[in-house]
């Protein structure tokens, strides 16, 4: 659970602000104005939570892709090592060794 509580149990789009509006006795325009601003902020907060969830999913997807790329590089290096194993061409061994060392 996050620091805002369980936001999945919200009844309306802006429950806290709706509660303030419900208590407005009508003798103060300030409360209505404040409630309106609170509604805007709460919508922005809810939209930010949706964006955070989207970005979190994207980061997980990127990590998965990076791990797949690492595994592919490892397989290619192993294949390259086997390809030059017992090679009679020392220049090819040098080129392959230099290429493997150039990893970021």
PDB file of N, CA and C in Angstrom:
ATOM      1  N   UNK A   1       0.840  -1.179   0.000  1.00  0.00           N
ATOM      2  CA  UNK A   1       0.000   0.000   0.000  1.00  0.00           C
ATOM      3  C   UNK A   1       0.884   1.240   0.000  1.00  0.00           C
ATOM      4  N   UNK A   2       0.466   2.262  -0.725  1.00  0.00           N
ATOM      5  CA  UNK A   2       1.278   3.477  -0.770  1.00  0.00           C
ATOM      6  C   UNK A   2       0.898   4.412   0.368  1.00  0.00           C
ATOM      7  N   UNK A   3       1.583   5.535   0.466  1.00  0.00           N
ATOM      8  CA  UNK A   3       1.360   6.479   1.556  1.00  0.00           C
ATOM      9  C   UNK A   3       0.016   7.191   1.466  1.00  0.00           C
ATOM     10  N   UNK A   4      -0.693   7.037   0.362  1.00  0.00           N
ATOM     11  CA  UNK A   4      -1.998   7.683   0.197  1.00  0.00           C
ATOM     12  C   UNK A   4      -3.136   6.780   0.594  1.00  0.00           C
ATOM     13  N   UNK A   5      -2.832   5.563   0.999  1.00  0.00           N
ATOM     14  CA  UNK A   5      -3.884   4.623   1.325  1.00  0.00           C
ATOM     15  C   UNK A   5      -4.268   3.831   0.087  1.00  0.00           C
ATOM     16  N   UNK A   6      -5.346   3.094   0.217  1.00  0.00           N
ATOM     17  CA  UNK A   6      -5.783   2.251  -0.889  1.00  0.00           C
ATOM     18  C   UNK A   6      -6.626   3.082  -1.845  1.00  0.00           C
ATOM     19  N   UNK A   7      -6.009   3.613  -2.905  1.00  0.00           N
ATOM     20  CA  UNK A   7      -6.707   4.478  -3.857  1.00  0.00           C
ATOM     21  C   UNK A   7      -7.643   3.690  -4.761  1.00  0.00           C
ATOM     22  N   UNK A   8      -7.568   2.364  -4.734  1.00  0.00           N
ATOM     23  CA  UNK A   8      -8.475   1.555  -5.550  1.00  0.00           C
ATOM     24  C   UNK A   8      -9.886   1.542  -4.992  1.00  0.00           C
ATOM     25  N   UNK A   9     -10.070   1.952  -3.745  1.00  0.00           N
ATOM     26  CA  UNK A   9     -11.386   1.923  -3.116  1.00  0.00           C
ATOM     27  C   UNK A   9     -12.115   3.257  -3.227  1.00  0.00           C
ATOM     28  N   UNK A  10     -11.613   4.178  -4.040  1.00  0.00           N
ATOM     29  CA  UNK A  10     -12.258   5.475  -4.198  1.00  0.00           C
ATOM     30  C   UNK A  10     -13.621   5.303  -4.858  1.00  0.00           C
ATOM     31  N   UNK A  11     -14.612   6.018  -4.313  1.00  0.00           N
ATOM     32  CA  UNK A  11     -15.957   5.928  -4.861  1.00  0.00           C
ATOM     33  C   UNK A  11     -16.084   6.811  -6.083  1.00  0.00           C
ATOM     34  N   UNK A  12     -15.702   8.068  -5.958  1.00  0.00           N
ATOM     35  CA  UNK A  12     -15.775   8.992  -7.075  1.00  0.00           C
ATOM     36  C   UNK A  12     -14.392   9.329  -7.573  1.00  0.00           C
ATOM     37  N   UNK A  13     -14.344  10.272  -8.500  1.00  0.00           N
ATOM     38  CA  UNK A  13     -13.056  10.670  -9.053  1.00  0.00           C
ATOM     39  C   UNK A  13     -12.254  11.486  -8.041  1.00  0.00           C
ATOM     40  N   UNK A  14     -12.947  12.256  -7.186  1.00  0.00           N
ATOM     41  CA  UNK A  14     -12.276  13.093  -6.184  1.00  0.00           C
ATOM     42  C   UNK A  14     -13.023  13.000  -4.849  1.00  0.00           C
ATOM     43  N   UNK A  15     -12.931  11.900  -4.150  1.00  0.00           N
ATOM     44  CA  UNK A  15     -13.737  11.686  -2.950  1.00  0.00           C
ATOM     45  C   UNK A  15     -13.463  12.674  -1.810  1.00  0.00           C
ATOM     46  N   UNK A  16     -12.209  13.034  -1.598  1.00  0.00           N
ATOM     47  CA  UNK A  16     -11.920  13.960  -0.500  1.00  0.00           C
ATOM     48  C   UNK A  16     -12.502  15.339  -0.775  1.00  0.00           C
ATOM     49  N   UNK A  17     -12.344  15.783  -2.002  1.00  0.00           N
ATOM     50  CA  UNK A  17     -12.876  17.093  -2.365  1.00  0.00           C
ATOM     51  C   UNK A  17     -14.397  17.069  -2.377  1.00  0.00           C
ATOM     52  N   UNK A  18     -14.974  15.983  -2.861  1.00  0.00           N
ATOM     53  CA  UNK A  18     -16.436  15.861  -2.858  1.00  0.00           C
ATOM     54  C   UNK A  18     -16.991  15.960  -1.440  1.00  0.00           C
ATOM     55  N   UNK A  19     -16.255  15.425  -0.467  1.00  0.00           N
ATOM     56  CA  UNK A  19     -16.696  15.507   0.922  1.00  0.00           C
ATOM     57  C   UNK A  19     -16.696  16.952   1.402  1.00  0.00           C
ATOM     58  N   UNK A  20     -15.697  17.740   0.985  1.00  0.00           N
ATOM     59  CA  UNK A  20     -15.652  19.162   1.371  1.00  0.00           C
ATOM     60  C   UNK A  20     -16.834  19.896   0.746  1.00  0.00           C
ATOM     61  N   UNK A  21     -17.102  19.635  -0.514  1.00  0.00           N
ATOM     62  CA  UNK A  21     -18.216  20.291  -1.195  1.00  0.00           C
ATOM     63  C   UNK A  21     -19.542  19.951  -0.511  1.00  0.00           C
ATOM     64  N   UNK A  22     -19.680  18.724  -0.081  1.00  0.00           N
ATOM     65  CA  UNK A  22     -20.915  18.303   0.582  1.00  0.00           C
ATOM     66  C   UNK A  22     -21.126  19.052   1.894  1.00  0.00           C
ATOM     67  N   UNK A  23     -20.055  19.463   2.538  1.00  0.00           N
ATOM     68  CA  UNK A  23     -20.171  20.193   3.807  1.00  0.00           C
ATOM     69  C   UNK A  23     -20.373  21.695   3.602  1.00  0.00           C
ATOM     70  N   UNK A  24     -20.258  22.184   2.376  1.00  0.00           N
ATOM     71  CA  UNK A  24     -20.393  23.613   2.092  1.00  0.00           C
ATOM     72  C   UNK A  24     -21.816  24.068   2.411  1.00  0.00           C
ATOM     73  N   UNK A  25     -21.927  25.055   3.270  1.00  0.00           N
ATOM     74  CA  UNK A  25     -23.245  25.570   3.667  1.00  0.00           C
ATOM     75  C   UNK A  25     -23.759  26.643   2.721  1.00  0.00           C
ATOM     76  N   UNK A  26     -22.963  27.036   1.787  1.00  0.00           N
ATOM     77  CA  UNK A  26     -23.394  28.026   0.810  1.00  0.00           C
ATOM     78  C   UNK A  26     -23.113  29.448   1.209  1.00  0.00           C
ATOM     79  N   UNK A  27     -22.685  29.709   2.420  1.00  0.00           N
ATOM     80  CA  UNK A  27     -22.434  31.081   2.836  1.00  0.00           C
ATOM     81  C   UNK A  27     -20.977  31.503   2.605  1.00  0.00           C
ATOM     82  N   UNK A  28     -20.214  30.676   1.955  1.00  0.00           N
ATOM     83  CA  UNK A  28     -18.835  31.056   1.683  1.00  0.00           C
ATOM     84  C   UNK A  28     -18.411  30.536   0.315  1.00  0.00           C
ATOM     85  N   UNK A  29     -18.117  31.436  -0.580  1.00  0.00           N
ATOM     86  CA  UNK A  29     -17.630  31.048  -1.900  1.00  0.00           C
ATOM     87  C   UNK A  29     -16.216  30.500  -1.838  1.00  0.00           C
ATOM     88  N   UNK A  30     -15.526  30.796  -0.751  1.00  0.00           N
ATOM     89  CA  UNK A  30     -14.162  30.343  -0.584  1.00  0.00           C
ATOM     90  C   UNK A  30     -14.082  28.818  -0.532  1.00  0.00           C
ATOM     91  N   UNK A  31     -14.993  28.208   0.158  1.00  0.00           N
ATOM     92  CA  UNK A  31     -14.977  26.750   0.262  1.00  0.00           C
ATOM     93  C   UNK A  31     -15.180  26.127  -1.110  1.00  0.00           C
ATOM     94  N   UNK A  32     -16.096  26.653  -1.897  1.00  0.00           N
ATOM     95  CA  UNK A  32     -16.339  26.118  -3.237  1.00  0.00           C
ATOM     96  C   UNK A  32     -15.117  26.307  -4.126  1.00  0.00           C
ATOM     97  N   UNK A  33     -14.488  27.458  -4.021  1.00  0.00           N
ATOM     98  CA  UNK A  33     -13.288  27.716  -4.817  1.00  0.00           C
ATOM     99  C   UNK A  33     -12.149  26.778  -4.404  1.00  0.00           C
ATOM    100  N   UNK A  34     -11.987  26.621  -3.096  1.00  0.00           N
ATOM    101  CA  UNK A  34     -10.964  25.716  -2.590  1.00  0.00           C
ATOM    102  C   UNK A  34     -11.244  24.280  -3.038  1.00  0.00           C
ATOM    103  N   UNK A  35     -12.481  23.887  -2.955  1.00  0.00           N
ATOM    104  CA  UNK A  35     -12.850  22.539  -3.367  1.00  0.00           C
ATOM    105  C   UNK A  35     -12.589  22.329  -4.854  1.00  0.00           C
ATOM    106  N   UNK A  36     -12.842  23.347  -5.650  1.00  0.00           N
ATOM    107  CA  UNK A  36     -12.587  23.251  -7.083  1.00  0.00           C
ATOM    108  C   UNK A  36     -11.101  23.050  -7.358  1.00  0.00           C
ATOM    109  N   UNK A  37     -10.288  23.809  -6.662  1.00  0.00           N
ATOM    110  CA  UNK A  37      -8.841  23.667  -6.833  1.00  0.00           C
ATOM    111  C   UNK A  37      -8.362  22.306  -6.341  1.00  0.00           C
ATOM    112  N   UNK A  38      -8.914  21.856  -5.239  1.00  0.00           N
ATOM    113  CA  UNK A  38      -8.556  20.530  -4.723  1.00  0.00           C
ATOM    114  C   UNK A  38      -8.924  19.448  -5.736  1.00  0.00           C
ATOM    115  N   UNK A  39     -10.064  19.610  -6.375  1.00  0.00           N
ATOM    116  CA  UNK A  39     -10.476  18.634  -7.390  1.00  0.00           C
ATOM    117  C   UNK A  39      -9.455  18.566  -8.524  1.00  0.00           C
ATOM    118  N   UNK A  40      -8.995  19.732  -8.963  1.00  0.00           N
ATOM    119  CA  UNK A  40      -7.984  19.767 -10.029  1.00  0.00           C
ATOM    120  C   UNK A  40      -6.711  19.044  -9.588  1.00  0.00           C
ATOM    121  N   UNK A  41      -6.269  19.343  -8.375  1.00  0.00           N
ATOM    122  CA  UNK A  41      -5.041  18.726  -7.884  1.00  0.00           C
ATOM    123  C   UNK A  41      -5.204  17.217  -7.723  1.00  0.00           C
ATOM    124  N   UNK A  42      -6.345  16.795  -7.263  1.00  0.00           N
ATOM    125  CA  UNK A  42      -6.565  15.362  -7.071  1.00  0.00           C
ATOM    126  C   UNK A  42      -6.598  14.626  -8.409  1.00  0.00           C
ATOM    127  N   UNK A  43      -7.189  15.257  -9.428  1.00  0.00           N
ATOM    128  CA  UNK A  43      -7.177  14.650 -10.769  1.00  0.00           C
ATOM    129  C   UNK A  43      -5.739  14.530 -11.287  1.00  0.00           C
ATOM    130  N   UNK A  44      -4.947  15.580 -11.059  1.00  0.00           N
ATOM    131  CA  UNK A  44      -3.540  15.549 -11.472  1.00  0.00           C
ATOM    132  C   UNK A  44      -2.786  14.441 -10.734  1.00  0.00           C
ATOM    133  N   UNK A  45      -3.056  14.300  -9.448  1.00  0.00           N
ATOM    134  CA  UNK A  45      -2.415  13.253  -8.664  1.00  0.00           C
ATOM    135  C   UNK A  45      -2.801  11.864  -9.191  1.00  0.00           C
ATOM    136  N   UNK A  46      -4.066  11.673  -9.466  1.00  0.00           N
ATOM    137  CA  UNK A  46      -4.516  10.385 -10.002  1.00  0.00           C
ATOM    138  C   UNK A  46      -3.869  10.101 -11.352  1.00  0.00           C
ATOM    139  N   UNK A  47      -3.775  11.119 -12.194  1.00  0.00           N
ATOM    140  CA  UNK A  47      -3.124  10.948 -13.497  1.00  0.00           C
ATOM    141  C   UNK A  47      -1.644  10.619 -13.310  1.00  0.00           C
ATOM    142  N   UNK A  48      -1.010  11.233 -12.312  1.00  0.00           N
ATOM    143  CA  UNK A  48       0.403  10.950 -12.039  1.00  0.00           C
ATOM    144  C   UNK A  48       0.585   9.498 -11.606  1.00  0.00           C
ATOM    145  N   UNK A  49      -0.344   8.993 -10.806  1.00  0.00           N
ATOM    146  CA  UNK A  49      -0.262   7.590 -10.386  1.00  0.00           C
ATOM    147  C   UNK A  49      -0.376   6.651 -11.587  1.00  0.00           C
ATOM    148  N   UNK A  50      -1.258   6.970 -12.504  1.00  0.00           N
ATOM    149  CA  UNK A  50      -1.400   6.160 -13.717  1.00  0.00           C
ATOM    150  C   UNK A  50      -0.102   6.197 -14.523  1.00  0.00           C
ATOM    151  N   UNK A  51       0.499   7.372 -14.639  1.00  0.00           N
ATOM    152  CA  UNK A  51       1.749   7.512 -15.385  1.00  0.00           C
ATOM    153  C   UNK A  51       2.877   6.749 -14.694  1.00  0.00           C
ATOM    154  N   UNK A  52       2.919   6.786 -13.376  1.00  0.00           N
ATOM    155  CA  UNK A  52       3.936   6.041 -12.631  1.00  0.00           C
ATOM    156  C   UNK A  52       3.788   4.549 -12.896  1.00  0.00           C
ATOM    157  N   UNK A  53       2.576   4.046 -12.878  1.00  0.00           N
ATOM    158  CA  UNK A  53       2.334   2.628 -13.165  1.00  0.00           C
ATOM    159  C   UNK A  53       2.785   2.282 -14.578  1.00  0.00           C
ATOM    160  N   UNK A  54       2.488   3.157 -15.541  1.00  0.00           N
ATOM    161  CA  UNK A  54       2.885   2.912 -16.929  1.00  0.00           C
ATOM    162  C   UNK A  54       4.408   2.882 -17.052  1.00  0.00           C
ATOM    163  N   UNK A  55       5.069   3.840 -16.429  1.00  0.00           N
ATOM    164  CA  UNK A  55       6.526   3.911 -16.506  1.00  0.00           C
ATOM    165  C   UNK A  55       7.194   2.747 -15.768  1.00  0.00           C
ATOM    166  N   UNK A  56       6.619   2.337 -14.658  1.00  0.00           N
ATOM    167  CA  UNK A  56       7.154   1.191 -13.923  1.00  0.00           C
ATOM    168  C   UNK A  56       7.094  -0.063 -14.781  1.00  0.00           C
ATOM    169  N   UNK A  57       5.980  -0.243 -15.481  1.00  0.00           N
ATOM    170  CA  UNK A  57       5.846  -1.394 -16.379  1.00  0.00           C
ATOM    171  C   UNK A  57       6.862  -1.304 -17.516  1.00  0.00           C
ATOM    172  N   UNK A  58       7.072  -0.105 -18.034  1.00  0.00           N
ATOM    173  CA  UNK A  58       8.040   0.087 -19.118  1.00  0.00           C
ATOM    174  C   UNK A  58       9.460  -0.220 -18.654  1.00  0.00           C
ATOM    175  N   UNK A  59       9.812   0.201 -17.447  1.00  0.00           N
ATOM    176  CA  UNK A  59      11.139  -0.079 -16.901  1.00  0.00           C
ATOM    177  C   UNK A  59      11.338  -1.585 -16.777  1.00  0.00           C
ATOM    178  N   UNK A  60      10.318  -2.292 -16.278  1.00  0.00           N
ATOM    179  CA  UNK A  60      10.419  -3.753 -16.156  1.00  0.00           C
ATOM    180  C   UNK A  60      10.624  -4.378 -17.532  1.00  0.00           C
ATOM    181  N   UNK A  61       9.924  -3.858 -18.515  1.00  0.00           N
ATOM    182  CA  UNK A  61      10.058  -4.352 -19.883  1.00  0.00           C
ATOM    183  C   UNK A  61      11.478  -4.105 -20.414  1.00  0.00           C
ATOM    184  N   UNK A  62      12.033  -2.945 -20.125  1.00  0.00           N
ATOM    185  CA  UNK A  62      13.393  -2.627 -20.567  1.00  0.00           C
ATOM    186  C   UNK A  62      14.428  -3.513 -19.881  1.00  0.00           C
ATOM    187  N   UNK A  63      14.248  -3.761 -18.589  1.00  0.00           N
ATOM    188  CA  UNK A  63      15.163  -4.663 -17.885  1.00  0.00           C
ATOM    189  C   UNK A  63      15.117  -6.057 -18.495  1.00  0.00           C
ATOM    190  N   UNK A  64      13.912  -6.505 -18.814  1.00  0.00           N
ATOM    191  CA  UNK A  64      13.771  -7.825 -19.439  1.00  0.00           C
ATOM    192  C   UNK A  64      14.500  -7.864 -20.782  1.00  0.00           C
ATOM    193  N   UNK A  65      14.346  -6.824 -21.578  1.00  0.00           N
ATOM    194  CA  UNK A  65      15.027  -6.744 -22.862  1.00  0.00           C
ATOM    195  C   UNK A  65      16.538  -6.704 -22.705  1.00  0.00           C
ATOM    196  N   UNK A  66      17.008  -5.984 -21.696  1.00  0.00           N
ATOM    197  CA  UNK A  66      18.453  -5.908 -21.450  1.00  0.00           C
ATOM    198  C   UNK A  66      18.996  -7.274 -21.044  1.00  0.00           C
ATOM    199  N   UNK A  67      18.255  -7.990 -20.233  1.00  0.00           N
ATOM    200  CA  UNK A  67      18.698  -9.318 -19.811  1.00  0.00           C
ATOM    201  C   UNK A  67      18.743 -10.266 -21.009  1.00  0.00           C
ATOM    202  N   UNK A  68      17.752 -10.185 -21.872  1.00  0.00           N
ATOM    203  CA  UNK A  68      17.755 -11.020 -23.085  1.00  0.00           C
ATOM    204  C   UNK A  68      18.959 -10.679 -23.970  1.00  0.00           C
ATOM    205  N   UNK A  69      19.275  -9.391 -24.075  1.00  0.00           N
ATOM    206  CA  UNK A  69      20.419  -8.966 -24.879  1.00  0.00           C
ATOM    207  C   UNK A  69      21.729  -9.486 -24.275  1.00  0.00           C
ATOM    208  N   UNK A  70      21.846  -9.438 -22.936  1.00  0.00           N
ATOM    209  CA  UNK A  70      23.042  -9.960 -22.275  1.00  0.00           C
ATOM    210  C   UNK A  70      23.211 -11.451 -22.563  1.00  0.00           C
ATOM    211  N   UNK A  71      22.116 -12.180 -22.492  1.00  0.00           N
ATOM    212  CA  UNK A  71      22.181 -13.623 -22.753  1.00  0.00           C
ATOM    213  C   UNK A  71      22.588 -13.897 -24.200  1.00  0.00           C
ATOM    214  N   UNK A  72      22.059 -13.095 -25.111  1.00  0.00           N
ATOM    215  CA  UNK A  72      22.421 -13.270 -26.525  1.00  0.00           C
ATOM    216  C   UNK A  72      23.909 -12.974 -26.741  1.00  0.00           C
ATOM    217  N   UNK A  73      24.406 -11.913 -26.130  1.00  0.00           N
ATOM    218  CA  UNK A  73      25.827 -11.571 -26.245  1.00  0.00           C
ATOM    219  C   UNK A  73      26.671 -12.715 -25.700  1.00  0.00           C
ATOM    220  N   UNK A  74      26.268 -13.258 -24.561  1.00  0.00           N
ATOM    221  CA  UNK A  74      27.015 -14.367 -23.974  1.00  0.00           C
ATOM    222  C   UNK A  74      27.057 -15.562 -24.928  1.00  0.00           C
ATOM    223  N   UNK A  75      25.913 -15.892 -25.529  1.00  0.00           N
ATOM    224  CA  UNK A  75      25.876 -17.019 -26.477  1.00  0.00           C
ATOM    225  C   UNK A  75      26.763 -16.747 -27.695  1.00  0.00           C
ATOM    226  N   UNK A  76      26.729 -15.507 -28.190  1.00  0.00           N
ATOM    227  CA  UNK A  76      27.565 -15.155 -29.341  1.00  0.00           C
ATOM    228  C   UNK A  76      29.055 -15.228 -28.997  1.00  0.00           C
ATOM    229  N   UNK A  77      29.416 -14.759 -27.802  1.00  0.00           N
ATOM    230  CA  UNK A  77      30.819 -14.849 -27.385  1.00  0.00           C
ATOM    231  C   UNK A  77      31.267 -16.308 -27.289  1.00  0.00           C
ATOM    232  N   UNK A  78      30.410 -17.137 -26.718  1.00  0.00           N
ATOM    233  CA  UNK A  78      30.760 -18.557 -26.604  1.00  0.00           C
ATOM    234  C   UNK A  78      30.911 -19.186 -27.989  1.00  0.00           C
ATOM    235  N   UNK A  79      30.024 -18.821 -28.899  1.00  0.00           N
ATOM    236  CA  UNK A  79      30.123 -19.348 -30.266  1.00  0.00           C
ATOM    237  C   UNK A  79      31.395 -18.852 -30.941  1.00  0.00           C
ATOM    238  N   UNK A  80      31.737 -17.597 -30.729  1.00  0.00           N
ATOM    239  CA  UNK A  80      32.963 -17.039 -31.298  1.00  0.00           C
ATOM    240  C   UNK A  80      34.197 -17.730 -30.738  1.00  0.00           C
ATOM    241  N   UNK A  81      34.166 -17.981 -29.424  1.00  0.00           N
ATOM    242  CA  UNK A  81      35.292 -18.691 -28.806  1.00  0.00           C
ATOM    243  C   UNK A  81      35.467 -20.081 -29.427  1.00  0.00           C
ATOM    244  N   UNK A  82      34.353 -20.781 -29.617  1.00  0.00           N
ATOM    245  CA  UNK A  82      34.431 -22.110 -30.225  1.00  0.00           C
ATOM    246  C   UNK A  82      34.901 -22.034 -31.673  1.00  0.00           C
ATOM    247  N   UNK A  83      34.499 -20.962 -32.368  1.00  0.00           N
ATOM    248  CA  UNK A  83      34.852 -20.829 -33.784  1.00  0.00           C
ATOM    249  C   UNK A  83      36.357 -20.623 -33.983  1.00  0.00           C
ATOM    250  N   UNK A  84      36.995 -19.936 -33.058  1.00  0.00           N
ATOM    251  CA  UNK A  84      38.434 -19.685 -33.238  1.00  0.00           C
ATOM    252  C   UNK A  84      39.297 -20.658 -32.446  1.00  0.00           C
ATOM    253  N   UNK A  85      38.646 -21.542 -31.708  1.00  0.00           N
ATOM    254  CA  UNK A  85      39.386 -22.514 -30.917  1.00  0.00           C
ATOM    255  C   UNK A  85      40.319 -23.322 -31.835  1.00  0.00           C
ATOM    256  N   UNK A  86      41.544 -23.481 -31.426  1.00  0.00           N
ATOM    257  CA  UNK A  86      42.545 -24.219 -32.210  1.00  0.00           C
ATOM    258  C   UNK A  86      42.732 -23.625 -33.612  1.00  0.00           C
ATOM    259  N   UNK A  87      42.553 -22.325 -33.716  1.00  0.00           N
ATOM    260  CA  UNK A  87      42.683 -21.664 -35.014  1.00  0.00           C
ATOM    261  C   UNK A  87      44.150 -21.608 -35.445  1.00  0.00           C
ATOM    262  N   UNK A  88      44.336 -21.783 -36.717  1.00  0.00           N
ATOM    263  CA  UNK A  88      45.679 -21.672 -37.297  1.00  0.00           C
ATOM    264  C   UNK A  88      45.957 -20.250 -37.768  1.00  0.00           C
ATOM    265  N   UNK A  89      45.023 -19.352 -37.492  1.00  0.00           N
ATOM    266  CA  UNK A  89      45.143 -17.966 -37.945  1.00  0.00           C
ATOM    267  C   UNK A  89      45.249 -17.043 -36.729  1.00  0.00           C
ATOM    268  N   UNK A  90      46.451 -16.775 -36.241  1.00  0.00           N
ATOM    269  CA  UNK A  90      46.618 -15.952 -35.041  1.00  0.00           C
ATOM    270  C   UNK A  90      46.033 -14.549 -35.180  1.00  0.00           C
ATOM    271  N   UNK A  91      45.994 -14.018 -36.406  1.00  0.00           N
ATOM    272  CA  UNK A  91      45.406 -12.682 -36.587  1.00  0.00           C
ATOM    273  C   UNK A  91      43.919 -12.697 -36.243  1.00  0.00           C
ATOM    274  N   UNK A  92      43.223 -13.760 -36.590  1.00  0.00           N
ATOM    275  CA  UNK A  92      41.790 -13.868 -36.269  1.00  0.00           C
ATOM    276  C   UNK A  92      41.581 -13.957 -34.757  1.00  0.00           C
ATOM    277  N   UNK A  93      42.454 -14.675 -34.091  1.00  0.00           N
ATOM    278  CA  UNK A  93      42.362 -14.777 -32.632  1.00  0.00           C
ATOM    279  C   UNK A  93      42.545 -13.401 -32.006  1.00  0.00           C
ATOM    280  N   UNK A  94      43.521 -12.617 -32.505  1.00  0.00           N
ATOM    281  CA  UNK A  94      43.746 -11.258 -31.992  1.00  0.00           C
ATOM    282  C   UNK A  94      42.520 -10.380 -32.205  1.00  0.00           C
ATOM    283  N   UNK A  95      41.965 -10.452 -33.414  1.00  0.00           N
ATOM    284  CA  UNK A  95      40.789  -9.625 -33.735  1.00  0.00           C
ATOM    285  C   UNK A  95      39.626  -9.999 -32.826  1.00  0.00           C
ATOM    286  N   UNK A  96      39.412 -11.289 -32.645  1.00  0.00           N
ATOM    287  CA  UNK A  96      38.296 -11.741 -31.802  1.00  0.00           C
ATOM    288  C   UNK A  96      38.516 -11.330 -30.350  1.00  0.00           C
ATOM    289  N   UNK A  97      39.729 -11.499 -29.856  1.00  0.00           N
ATOM    290  CA  UNK A  97      40.037 -11.127 -28.461  1.00  0.00           C
ATOM    291  C   UNK A  97      39.845  -9.619 -28.258  1.00  0.00           C
ATOM    292  N   UNK A  98      40.292  -8.832 -29.205  1.00  0.00           N
ATOM    293  CA  UNK A  98      40.143  -7.368 -29.108  1.00  0.00           C
ATOM    294  C   UNK A  98      38.668  -6.977 -29.148  1.00  0.00           C
ATOM    295  N   UNK A  99      37.896  -7.633 -29.991  1.00  0.00           N
ATOM    296  CA  UNK A  99      36.465  -7.317 -30.100  1.00  0.00           C
ATOM    297  C   UNK A  99      35.746  -7.628 -28.789  1.00  0.00           C
ATOM    298  N   UNK A 100      36.074  -8.731 -28.152  1.00  0.00           N
ATOM    299  CA  UNK A 100      35.437  -9.089 -26.879  1.00  0.00           C
ATOM    300  C   UNK A 100      35.809  -8.111 -25.772  1.00  0.00           C
ATOM    301  N   UNK A 101      37.028  -7.590 -25.797  1.00  0.00           N
ATOM    302  CA  UNK A 101      37.465  -6.644 -24.772  1.00  0.00           C
ATOM    303  C   UNK A 101      36.839  -5.268 -24.946  1.00  0.00           C
ATOM    304  N   UNK A 102      36.279  -4.997 -26.107  1.00  0.00           N
ATOM    305  CA  UNK A 102      35.718  -3.675 -26.399  1.00  0.00           C
ATOM    306  C   UNK A 102      34.286  -3.519 -25.881  1.00  0.00           C
ATOM    307  N   UNK A 103      33.816  -4.463 -25.085  1.00  0.00           N
ATOM    308  CA  UNK A 103      32.459  -4.367 -24.551  1.00  0.00           C
ATOM    309  C   UNK A 103      32.327  -3.109 -23.687  1.00  0.00           C
ATOM    310  N   UNK A 104      31.147  -2.500 -23.698  1.00  0.00           N
ATOM    311  CA  UNK A 104      30.937  -1.298 -22.877  1.00  0.00           C
ATOM    312  C   UNK A 104      30.901  -1.606 -21.406  1.00  0.00           C
TER     313      UNK A 104
END
